[in-house]
PDB file of N, CA and C in Angstrom:
ATOM      1  N   MET A   1       0.822  -1.196   0.000  1.00  0.00           N
ATOM      2  CA  MET A   1       0.000   0.000   0.000  1.00  0.00           C
ATOM      3  C   MET A   1       0.861   1.253   0.000  1.00  0.00           C
ATOM      4  N   ILE A   2       1.915   1.276   0.801  1.00  0.00           N
ATOM      5  CA  ILE A   2       2.821   2.424   0.815  1.00  0.00           C
ATOM      6  C   ILE A   2       3.498   2.568  -0.542  1.00  0.00           C
ATOM      7  N   LYS A   3       3.886   1.443  -1.135  1.00  0.00           N
ATOM      8  CA  LYS A   3       4.542   1.485  -2.433  1.00  0.00           C
ATOM      9  C   LYS A   3       3.649   2.149  -3.485  1.00  0.00           C
ATOM     10  N   SER A   4       2.356   1.805  -3.534  1.00  0.00           N
ATOM     11  CA  SER A   4       1.478   2.394  -4.541  1.00  0.00           C
ATOM     12  C   SER A   4       1.301   3.893  -4.309  1.00  0.00           C
ATOM     13  N   SER A   5       1.271   4.340  -3.055  1.00  0.00           N
ATOM     14  CA  SER A   5       1.162   5.771  -2.761  1.00  0.00           C
ATOM     15  C   SER A   5       2.393   6.516  -3.258  1.00  0.00           C
ATOM     16  N   ILE A   6       3.560   5.943  -3.044  1.00  0.00           N
ATOM     17  CA  ILE A   6       4.798   6.566  -3.506  1.00  0.00           C
ATOM     18  C   ILE A   6       4.830   6.604  -5.027  1.00  0.00           C
ATOM     19  N   GLU A   7       4.409   5.515  -5.677  1.00  0.00           N
ATOM     20  CA  GLU A   7       4.379   5.487  -7.139  1.00  0.00           C
ATOM     21  C   GLU A   7       3.441   6.549  -7.691  1.00  0.00           C
ATOM     22  N   GLU A   8       2.302   6.750  -7.044  1.00  0.00           N
ATOM     23  CA  GLU A   8       1.363   7.774  -7.500  1.00  0.00           C
ATOM     24  C   GLU A   8       1.997   9.151  -7.447  1.00  0.00           C
ATOM     25  N   VAL A   9       2.745   9.433  -6.381  1.00  0.00           N
ATOM     26  CA  VAL A   9       3.402  10.736  -6.259  1.00  0.00           C
ATOM     27  C   VAL A   9       4.423  10.924  -7.372  1.00  0.00           C
ATOM     28  N   PHE A  10       5.230   9.915  -7.629  1.00  0.00           N
ATOM     29  CA  PHE A  10       6.267  10.057  -8.645  1.00  0.00           C
ATOM     30  C   PHE A  10       5.726   9.996 -10.065  1.00  0.00           C
ATOM     31  N   ASN A  11       4.605   9.331 -10.281  1.00  0.00           N
ATOM     32  CA  ASN A  11       4.028   9.238 -11.619  1.00  0.00           C
ATOM     33  C   ASN A  11       3.093  10.403 -11.937  1.00  0.00           C
ATOM     34  N   ASN A  12       2.767  11.207 -10.949  1.00  0.00           N
ATOM     35  CA  ASN A  12       1.853  12.330 -11.138  1.00  0.00           C
ATOM     36  C   ASN A  12       2.656  13.577 -11.503  1.00  0.00           C
ATOM     37  N   LYS A  13       3.148  13.624 -12.719  1.00  0.00           N
ATOM     38  CA  LYS A  13       3.932  14.764 -13.175  1.00  0.00           C
ATOM     39  C   LYS A  13       2.997  15.885 -13.591  1.00  0.00           C
ATOM     40  N   THR A  14       3.366  17.096 -13.241  1.00  0.00           N
ATOM     41  CA  THR A  14       2.571  18.265 -13.608  1.00  0.00           C
ATOM     42  C   THR A  14       3.417  19.202 -14.452  1.00  0.00           C
ATOM     43  N   PRO A  15       2.778  20.016 -15.289  1.00  0.00           N
ATOM     44  CA  PRO A  15       3.524  20.946 -16.140  1.00  0.00           C
ATOM     45  C   PRO A  15       3.867  22.261 -15.429  1.00  0.00           C
ATOM     46  N   TYR A  16       3.792  22.266 -14.108  1.00  0.00           N
ATOM     47  CA  TYR A  16       4.047  23.485 -13.348  1.00  0.00           C
ATOM     48  C   TYR A  16       4.793  23.165 -12.064  1.00  0.00           C
ATOM     49  N   LYS A  17       5.373  24.216 -11.476  1.00  0.00           N
ATOM     50  CA  LYS A  17       5.947  24.126 -10.137  1.00  0.00           C
ATOM     51  C   LYS A  17       4.919  24.714  -9.189  1.00  0.00           C
ATOM     52  N   GLU A  18       4.729  24.075  -8.046  1.00  0.00           N
ATOM     53  CA  GLU A  18       3.703  24.515  -7.113  1.00  0.00           C
ATOM     54  C   GLU A  18       4.273  24.731  -5.720  1.00  0.00           C
ATOM     55  N   SER A  19       3.873  25.838  -5.093  1.00  0.00           N
ATOM     56  CA  SER A  19       4.226  26.136  -3.709  1.00  0.00           C
ATOM     57  C   SER A  19       2.938  26.244  -2.908  1.00  0.00           C
ATOM     58  N   ASN A  20       2.880  25.554  -1.769  1.00  0.00           N
ATOM     59  CA  ASN A  20       1.698  25.586  -0.915  1.00  0.00           C
ATOM     60  C   ASN A  20       1.822  26.758   0.050  1.00  0.00           C
ATOM     61  N   LEU A  21       0.850  27.676  -0.007  1.00  0.00           N
ATOM     62  CA  LEU A  21       0.842  28.833   0.883  1.00  0.00           C
ATOM     63  C   LEU A  21       0.045  28.561   2.158  1.00  0.00           C
ATOM     64  N   GLY A  22      -0.622  27.406   2.226  1.00  0.00           N
ATOM     65  CA  GLY A  22      -1.473  27.076   3.359  1.00  0.00           C
ATOM     66  C   GLY A  22      -2.901  27.518   3.094  1.00  0.00           C
ATOM     67  N   LYS A  23      -3.845  27.016   3.892  1.00  0.00           N
ATOM     68  CA  LYS A  23      -5.260  27.360   3.778  1.00  0.00           C
ATOM     69  C   LYS A  23      -5.784  27.220   2.354  1.00  0.00           C
ATOM     70  N   ASN A  24      -5.423  26.130   1.686  1.00  0.00           N
ATOM     71  CA  ASN A  24      -5.909  25.838   0.328  1.00  0.00           C
ATOM     72  C   ASN A  24      -5.457  26.842  -0.722  1.00  0.00           C
ATOM     73  N   GLU A  25      -4.339  27.523  -0.488  1.00  0.00           N
ATOM     74  CA  GLU A  25      -3.803  28.478  -1.462  1.00  0.00           C
ATOM     75  C   GLU A  25      -2.457  27.986  -1.977  1.00  0.00           C
ATOM     76  N   TYR A  26      -2.274  28.120  -3.287  1.00  0.00           N
ATOM     77  CA  TYR A  26      -1.074  27.622  -3.950  1.00  0.00           C
ATOM     78  C   TYR A  26      -0.597  28.640  -4.984  1.00  0.00           C
ATOM     79  N   ILE A  27       0.708  28.705  -5.168  1.00  0.00           N
ATOM     80  CA  ILE A  27       1.292  29.468  -6.267  1.00  0.00           C
ATOM     81  C   ILE A  27       1.738  28.444  -7.301  1.00  0.00           C
ATOM     82  N   ARG A  28       1.319  28.648  -8.545  1.00  0.00           N
ATOM     83  CA  ARG A  28       1.746  27.773  -9.640  1.00  0.00           C
ATOM     84  C   ARG A  28       2.496  28.598 -10.669  1.00  0.00           C
ATOM     85  N   GLU A  29       3.621  28.037 -11.104  1.00  0.00           N
ATOM     86  CA  GLU A  29       4.444  28.689 -12.117  1.00  0.00           C
ATOM     87  C   GLU A  29       4.609  27.762 -13.310  1.00  0.00           C
ATOM     88  N   PHE A  30       4.216  28.267 -14.467  1.00  0.00           N
ATOM     89  CA  PHE A  30       4.340  27.537 -15.730  1.00  0.00           C
ATOM     90  C   PHE A  30       5.465  28.186 -16.518  1.00  0.00           C
ATOM     91  N   GLY A  31       6.457  27.402 -16.923  1.00  0.00           N
ATOM     92  CA  GLY A  31       7.575  27.927 -17.693  1.00  0.00           C
ATOM     93  C   GLY A  31       7.276  27.987 -19.183  1.00  0.00           C
ATOM     94  N   SER A  32       7.929  28.889 -19.849  1.00  0.00           N
ATOM     95  CA  SER A  32       7.731  29.042 -21.295  1.00  0.00           C
ATOM     96  C   SER A  32       8.308  27.868 -22.074  1.00  0.00           C
ATOM     97  N   ASP A  33       9.098  27.034 -21.404  1.00  0.00           N
ATOM     98  CA  ASP A  33       9.756  25.919 -22.092  1.00  0.00           C
ATOM     99  C   ASP A  33       8.964  24.606 -22.026  1.00  0.00           C
ATOM    100  N   ILE A  34       7.767  24.611 -21.431  1.00  0.00           N
ATOM    101  CA  ILE A  34       7.013  23.356 -21.371  1.00  0.00           C
ATOM    102  C   ILE A  34       6.391  23.035 -22.727  1.00  0.00           C
ATOM    103  N   ASP A  35       6.134  21.776 -22.937  1.00  0.00           N
ATOM    104  CA  ASP A  35       5.509  21.312 -24.169  1.00  0.00           C
ATOM    105  C   ASP A  35       3.997  21.531 -24.064  1.00  0.00           C
ATOM    106  N   GLU A  36       3.390  22.130 -25.080  1.00  0.00           N
ATOM    107  CA  GLU A  36       1.943  22.404 -25.082  1.00  0.00           C
ATOM    108  C   GLU A  36       1.117  21.145 -24.841  1.00  0.00           C
ATOM    109  N   VAL A  37       1.630  20.006 -25.228  1.00  0.00           N
ATOM    110  CA  VAL A  37       0.918  18.739 -25.069  1.00  0.00           C
ATOM    111  C   VAL A  37       0.634  18.451 -23.591  1.00  0.00           C
ATOM    112  N   GLU A  38       1.480  18.978 -22.699  1.00  0.00           N
ATOM    113  CA  GLU A  38       1.303  18.755 -21.264  1.00  0.00           C
ATOM    114  C   GLU A  38       0.105  19.512 -20.688  1.00  0.00           C
ATOM    115  N   LEU A  39      -0.394  20.509 -21.395  1.00  0.00           N
ATOM    116  CA  LEU A  39      -1.501  21.333 -20.918  1.00  0.00           C
ATOM    117  C   LEU A  39      -2.815  20.739 -21.412  1.00  0.00           C
ATOM    118  N   GLU A  40      -3.289  19.726 -20.716  1.00  0.00           N
ATOM    119  CA  GLU A  40      -4.443  18.952 -21.145  1.00  0.00           C
ATOM    120  C   GLU A  40      -5.755  19.519 -20.617  1.00  0.00           C
ATOM    121  N   TRP A  41      -6.832  19.212 -21.331  1.00  0.00           N
ATOM    122  CA  TRP A  41      -8.167  19.471 -20.812  1.00  0.00           C
ATOM    123  C   TRP A  41      -8.322  18.631 -19.550  1.00  0.00           C
ATOM    124  N   HIS A  42      -8.871  19.210 -18.501  1.00  0.00           N
ATOM    125  CA  HIS A  42      -9.068  18.468 -17.259  1.00  0.00           C
ATOM    126  C   HIS A  42     -10.180  19.117 -16.442  1.00  0.00           C
ATOM    127  N   LEU A  43     -10.587  18.434 -15.373  1.00  0.00           N
ATOM    128  CA  LEU A  43     -11.542  19.003 -14.433  1.00  0.00           C
ATOM    129  C   LEU A  43     -11.011  18.792 -13.028  1.00  0.00           C
ATOM    130  N   ASP A  44     -11.514  19.600 -12.105  1.00  0.00           N
ATOM    131  CA  ASP A  44     -11.054  19.541 -10.719  1.00  0.00           C
ATOM    132  C   ASP A  44     -12.197  19.123  -9.808  1.00  0.00           C
ATOM    133  N   LYS A  45     -11.855  18.584  -8.644  1.00  0.00           N
ATOM    134  CA  LYS A  45     -12.854  18.078  -7.702  1.00  0.00           C
ATOM    135  C   LYS A  45     -13.503  19.174  -6.866  1.00  0.00           C
ATOM    136  N   GLU A  46     -12.920  20.382  -6.880  1.00  0.00           N
ATOM    137  CA  GLU A  46     -13.469  21.471  -6.092  1.00  0.00           C
ATOM    138  C   GLU A  46     -13.511  22.761  -6.902  1.00  0.00           C
ATOM    139  N   ASP A  47     -14.372  23.711  -6.472  1.00  0.00           N
ATOM    140  CA  ASP A  47     -14.371  25.037  -7.076  1.00  0.00           C
ATOM    141  C   ASP A  47     -13.015  25.686  -6.826  1.00  0.00           C
ATOM    142  N   ARG A  48     -12.614  26.564  -7.748  1.00  0.00           N
ATOM    143  CA  ARG A  48     -11.319  27.251  -7.604  1.00  0.00           C
ATOM    144  C   ARG A  48     -11.423  28.698  -8.035  1.00  0.00           C
ATOM    145  N   ILE A  49     -10.596  29.510  -7.411  1.00  0.00           N
ATOM    146  CA  ILE A  49     -10.396  30.888  -7.847  1.00  0.00           C
ATOM    147  C   ILE A  49      -8.951  30.986  -8.309  1.00  0.00           C
ATOM    148  N   VAL A  50      -8.757  31.588  -9.476  1.00  0.00           N
ATOM    149  CA  VAL A  50      -7.414  31.764 -10.028  1.00  0.00           C
ATOM    150  C   VAL A  50      -7.143  33.261 -10.125  1.00  0.00           C
ATOM    151  N   ASP A  51      -6.083  33.710  -9.465  1.00  0.00           N
ATOM    152  CA  ASP A  51      -5.636  35.100  -9.551  1.00  0.00           C
ATOM    153  C   ASP A  51      -4.329  35.135 -10.327  1.00  0.00           C
ATOM    154  N   VAL A  52      -4.281  35.931 -11.369  1.00  0.00           N
ATOM    155  CA  VAL A  52      -3.076  36.031 -12.195  1.00  0.00           C
ATOM    156  C   VAL A  52      -2.084  36.963 -11.514  1.00  0.00           C
ATOM    157  N   ILE A  53      -0.887  36.465 -11.284  1.00  0.00           N
ATOM    158  CA  ILE A  53       0.180  37.263 -10.684  1.00  0.00           C
ATOM    159  C   ILE A  53       1.085  37.830 -11.771  1.00  0.00           C
ATOM    160  N   GLU A  54       1.427  36.968 -12.743  1.00  0.00           N
ATOM    161  CA  GLU A  54       2.324  37.390 -13.821  1.00  0.00           C
ATOM    162  C   GLU A  54       1.968  36.662 -15.108  1.00  0.00           C
ATOM    163  N   ASN A  55       1.732  37.430 -16.170  1.00  0.00           N
ATOM    164  CA  ASN A  55       1.468  36.849 -17.485  1.00  0.00           C
ATOM    165  C   ASN A  55       1.902  37.849 -18.552  1.00  0.00           C
ATOM    166  N   GLU A  56       3.171  37.849 -18.856  1.00  0.00           N
ATOM    167  CA  GLU A  56       3.683  38.731 -19.904  1.00  0.00           C
ATOM    168  C   GLU A  56       3.751  38.022 -21.244  1.00  0.00           C
ATOM    169  N   GLY A  57       3.350  36.767 -21.268  1.00  0.00           N
ATOM    170  CA  GLY A  57       3.509  35.964 -22.473  1.00  0.00           C
ATOM    171  C   GLY A  57       2.240  35.551 -23.163  1.00  0.00           C
ATOM    172  N   ASN A  58       1.132  36.224 -22.883  1.00  0.00           N
ATOM    173  CA  ASN A  58      -0.139  35.965 -23.567  1.00  0.00           C
ATOM    174  C   ASN A  58      -0.700  34.560 -23.344  1.00  0.00           C
ATOM    175  N   TRP A  59      -0.539  34.012 -22.149  1.00  0.00           N
ATOM    176  CA  TRP A  59      -1.174  32.742 -21.813  1.00  0.00           C
ATOM    177  C   TRP A  59      -2.680  32.953 -21.814  1.00  0.00           C
ATOM    178  N   MET A  60      -3.410  31.902 -22.186  1.00  0.00           N
ATOM    179  CA  MET A  60      -4.861  31.993 -22.262  1.00  0.00           C
ATOM    180  C   MET A  60      -5.502  30.880 -21.445  1.00  0.00           C
ATOM    181  N   PHE A  61      -6.787  31.058 -21.188  1.00  0.00           N
ATOM    182  CA  PHE A  61      -7.576  30.094 -20.430  1.00  0.00           C
ATOM    183  C   PHE A  61      -8.837  29.788 -21.233  1.00  0.00           C
ATOM    184  N   GLN A  62      -9.242  28.515 -21.236  1.00  0.00           N
ATOM    185  CA  GLN A  62     -10.436  28.130 -21.979  1.00  0.00           C
ATOM    186  C   GLN A  62     -11.283  27.162 -21.165  1.00  0.00           C
ATOM    187  N   MET A  63     -12.563  27.512 -21.019  1.00  0.00           N
ATOM    188  CA  MET A  63     -13.541  26.617 -20.398  1.00  0.00           C
ATOM    189  C   MET A  63     -14.214  25.834 -21.517  1.00  0.00           C
ATOM    190  N   ASP A  64     -14.759  24.691 -21.176  1.00  0.00           N
ATOM    191  CA  ASP A  64     -15.455  23.847 -22.140  1.00  0.00           C
ATOM    192  C   ASP A  64     -16.565  24.634 -22.845  1.00  0.00           C
ATOM    193  N   ASN A  65     -16.622  24.500 -24.153  1.00  0.00           N
ATOM    194  CA  ASN A  65     -17.632  25.156 -24.997  1.00  0.00           C
ATOM    195  C   ASN A  65     -17.565  26.681 -24.978  1.00  0.00           C
ATOM    196  N   GLN A  66     -16.394  27.237 -24.680  1.00  0.00           N
ATOM    197  CA  GLN A  66     -16.198  28.682 -24.702  1.00  0.00           C
ATOM    198  C   GLN A  66     -14.925  29.009 -25.470  1.00  0.00           C
ATOM    199  N   LEU A  67     -14.841  30.235 -25.949  1.00  0.00           N
ATOM    200  CA  LEU A  67     -13.628  30.690 -26.622  1.00  0.00           C
ATOM    201  C   LEU A  67     -12.550  30.990 -25.590  1.00  0.00           C
ATOM    202  N   PRO A  68     -11.272  30.845 -25.965  1.00  0.00           N
ATOM    203  CA  PRO A  68     -10.186  31.175 -25.041  1.00  0.00           C
ATOM    204  C   PRO A  68     -10.187  32.666 -24.695  1.00  0.00           C
ATOM    205  N   ILE A  69      -9.756  32.963 -23.449  1.00  0.00           N
ATOM    206  CA  ILE A  69      -9.604  34.345 -23.015  1.00  0.00           C
ATOM    207  C   ILE A  69      -8.193  34.544 -22.480  1.00  0.00           C
ATOM    208  N   LEU A  70      -7.696  35.762 -22.582  1.00  0.00           N
ATOM    209  CA  LEU A  70      -6.380  36.094 -22.048  1.00  0.00           C
ATOM    210  C   LEU A  70      -6.429  36.018 -20.530  1.00  0.00           C
ATOM    211  N   LEU A  71      -5.438  35.370 -19.931  1.00  0.00           N
ATOM    212  CA  LEU A  71      -5.355  35.292 -18.474  1.00  0.00           C
ATOM    213  C   LEU A  71      -4.836  36.627 -17.950  1.00  0.00           C
ATOM    214  N   LYS A  72      -5.735  37.450 -17.402  1.00  0.00           N
ATOM    215  CA  LYS A  72      -5.298  38.753 -16.910  1.00  0.00           C
ATOM    216  C   LYS A  72      -5.982  39.176 -15.627  1.00  0.00           C
ATOM    217  N   GLU A  73      -7.042  38.498 -15.240  1.00  0.00           N
ATOM    218  CA  GLU A  73      -7.757  38.883 -14.033  1.00  0.00           C
ATOM    219  C   GLU A  73      -8.240  37.644 -13.306  1.00  0.00           C
ATOM    220  N   ARG A  74      -8.964  37.850 -12.239  1.00  0.00           N
ATOM    221  CA  ARG A  74      -9.470  36.741 -11.430  1.00  0.00           C
ATOM    222  C   ARG A  74     -10.475  35.902 -12.216  1.00  0.00           C
ATOM    223  N   LEU A  75     -10.356  34.583 -12.054  1.00  0.00           N
ATOM    224  CA  LEU A  75     -11.271  33.633 -12.687  1.00  0.00           C
ATOM    225  C   LEU A  75     -11.891  32.737 -11.629  1.00  0.00           C
ATOM    226  N   PHE A  76     -13.118  32.362 -11.849  1.00  0.00           N
ATOM    227  CA  PHE A  76     -13.763  31.344 -11.023  1.00  0.00           C
ATOM    228  C   PHE A  76     -13.954  30.114 -11.893  1.00  0.00           C
ATOM    229  N   ILE A  77     -13.498  28.958 -11.402  1.00  0.00           N
ATOM    230  CA  ILE A  77     -13.649  27.696 -12.134  1.00  0.00           C
ATOM    231  C   ILE A  77     -14.536  26.772 -11.297  1.00  0.00           C
ATOM    232  N   PRO A  78     -15.748  26.509 -11.762  1.00  0.00           N
ATOM    233  CA  PRO A  78     -16.623  25.602 -11.013  1.00  0.00           C
ATOM    234  C   PRO A  78     -16.078  24.169 -11.026  1.00  0.00           C
ATOM    235  N   LYS A  79     -16.306  23.457  -9.939  1.00  0.00           N
ATOM    236  CA  LYS A  79     -15.843  22.065  -9.870  1.00  0.00           C
ATOM    237  C   LYS A  79     -16.458  21.248 -10.993  1.00  0.00           C
ATOM    238  N   GLU A  80     -15.721  20.231 -11.413  1.00  0.00           N
ATOM    239  CA  GLU A  80     -16.147  19.284 -12.437  1.00  0.00           C
ATOM    240  C   GLU A  80     -16.528  19.957 -13.762  1.00  0.00           C
ATOM    241  N   THR A  81     -15.825  21.038 -14.102  1.00  0.00           N
ATOM    242  CA  THR A  81     -16.001  21.731 -15.379  1.00  0.00           C
ATOM    243  C   THR A  81     -14.701  21.619 -16.159  1.00  0.00           C
ATOM    244  N   TYR A  82     -14.758  21.073 -17.367  1.00  0.00           N
ATOM    245  CA  TYR A  82     -13.545  20.923 -18.164  1.00  0.00           C
ATOM    246  C   TYR A  82     -12.988  22.287 -18.548  1.00  0.00           C
ATOM    247  N   HIS A  83     -11.654  22.385 -18.456  1.00  0.00           N
ATOM    248  CA  HIS A  83     -10.959  23.622 -18.792  1.00  0.00           C
ATOM    249  C   HIS A  83      -9.502  23.305 -19.103  1.00  0.00           C
ATOM    250  N   ARG A  84      -8.809  24.300 -19.647  1.00  0.00           N
ATOM    251  CA  ARG A  84      -7.390  24.127 -19.942  1.00  0.00           C
ATOM    252  C   ARG A  84      -6.703  25.494 -19.979  1.00  0.00           C
ATOM    253  N   VAL A  85      -5.374  25.440 -19.868  1.00  0.00           N
ATOM    254  CA  VAL A  85      -4.524  26.615 -20.043  1.00  0.00           C
ATOM    255  C   VAL A  85      -3.865  26.474 -21.407  1.00  0.00           C
ATOM    256  N   ILE A  86      -3.759  27.580 -22.125  1.00  0.00           N
ATOM    257  CA  ILE A  86      -3.110  27.586 -23.446  1.00  0.00           C
ATOM    258  C   ILE A  86      -1.806  28.352 -23.320  1.00  0.00           C
ATOM    259  N   LYS A  87      -0.748  27.707 -23.711  1.00  0.00           N
ATOM    260  CA  LYS A  87       0.611  28.220 -23.521  1.00  0.00           C
ATOM    261  C   LYS A  87       0.853  29.560 -24.225  1.00  0.00           C
ATOM    262  N   GLY A  88       1.574  30.426 -23.509  1.00  0.00           N
ATOM    263  CA  GLY A  88       2.058  31.679 -24.071  1.00  0.00           C
ATOM    264  C   GLY A  88       3.544  31.562 -24.361  1.00  0.00           C
ATOM    265  N   ASP A  89       4.193  32.683 -24.663  1.00  0.00           N
ATOM    266  CA  ASP A  89       5.608  32.621 -25.040  1.00  0.00           C
ATOM    267  C   ASP A  89       6.567  33.017 -23.919  1.00  0.00           C
ATOM    268  N   LYS A  90       6.048  33.379 -22.752  1.00  0.00           N
ATOM    269  CA  LYS A  90       6.876  33.650 -21.569  1.00  0.00           C
ATOM    270  C   LYS A  90       6.268  32.896 -20.402  1.00  0.00           C
ATOM    271  N   ASN A  91       6.759  33.130 -19.200  1.00  0.00           N
ATOM    272  CA  ASN A  91       6.279  32.405 -18.022  1.00  0.00           C
ATOM    273  C   ASN A  91       4.925  32.908 -17.542  1.00  0.00           C
ATOM    274  N   LEU A  92       4.215  32.037 -16.819  1.00  0.00           N
ATOM    275  CA  LEU A  92       2.926  32.368 -16.203  1.00  0.00           C
ATOM    276  C   LEU A  92       3.009  32.027 -14.728  1.00  0.00           C
ATOM    277  N   LYS A  93       2.491  32.928 -13.889  1.00  0.00           N
ATOM    278  CA  LYS A  93       2.450  32.687 -12.446  1.00  0.00           C
ATOM    279  C   LYS A  93       1.061  33.060 -11.950  1.00  0.00           C
ATOM    280  N   VAL A  94       0.412  32.103 -11.261  1.00  0.00           N
ATOM    281  CA  VAL A  94      -0.943  32.318 -10.760  1.00  0.00           C
ATOM    282  C   VAL A  94      -1.047  31.851  -9.309  1.00  0.00           C
ATOM    283  N   LYS A  95      -2.040  32.388  -8.627  1.00  0.00           N
ATOM    284  CA  LYS A  95      -2.380  31.915  -7.276  1.00  0.00           C
ATOM    285  C   LYS A  95      -3.702  31.169  -7.408  1.00  0.00           C
ATOM    286  N   ILE A  96      -3.737  29.932  -6.901  1.00  0.00           N
ATOM    287  CA  ILE A  96      -4.923  29.094  -6.934  1.00  0.00           C
ATOM    288  C   ILE A  96      -5.481  29.003  -5.516  1.00  0.00           C
ATOM    289  N   THR A  97      -6.773  29.255  -5.373  1.00  0.00           N
ATOM    290  CA  THR A  97      -7.451  29.053  -4.096  1.00  0.00           C
ATOM    291  C   THR A  97      -8.506  27.977  -4.311  1.00  0.00           C
ATOM    292  N   LYS A  98      -8.358  26.873  -3.591  1.00  0.00           N
ATOM    293  CA  LYS A  98      -9.315  25.773  -3.675  1.00  0.00           C
ATOM    294  C   LYS A  98     -10.410  26.015  -2.647  1.00  0.00           C
ATOM    295  N   LEU A  99     -11.650  26.035  -3.101  1.00  0.00           N
ATOM    296  CA  LEU A  99     -12.778  26.344  -2.208  1.00  0.00           C
ATOM    297  C   LEU A  99     -13.448  25.092  -1.665  1.00  0.00           C
TER     298      LEU A  99
END
């Protein structure tokens, strides 16, 4: 059982670096050198608020059945709603609050 938990941690690669700020708040940094293929459509188990800290590279955000928008202000992502990030040409830094 311990072995499978460790394998899950090592096999769960993400396209970002994450820092835990506590109280369900995280800083995520996406580098300009990641492969776009890593930015998959996905859904989350909880509602989230995304605050953009840095986006000089025209990163975009897209919800299911909607056109992409430039990541520049606060976003609310309802739980179990498909969405994705679209890569820009410089780094992206956001604060995620899980509700």
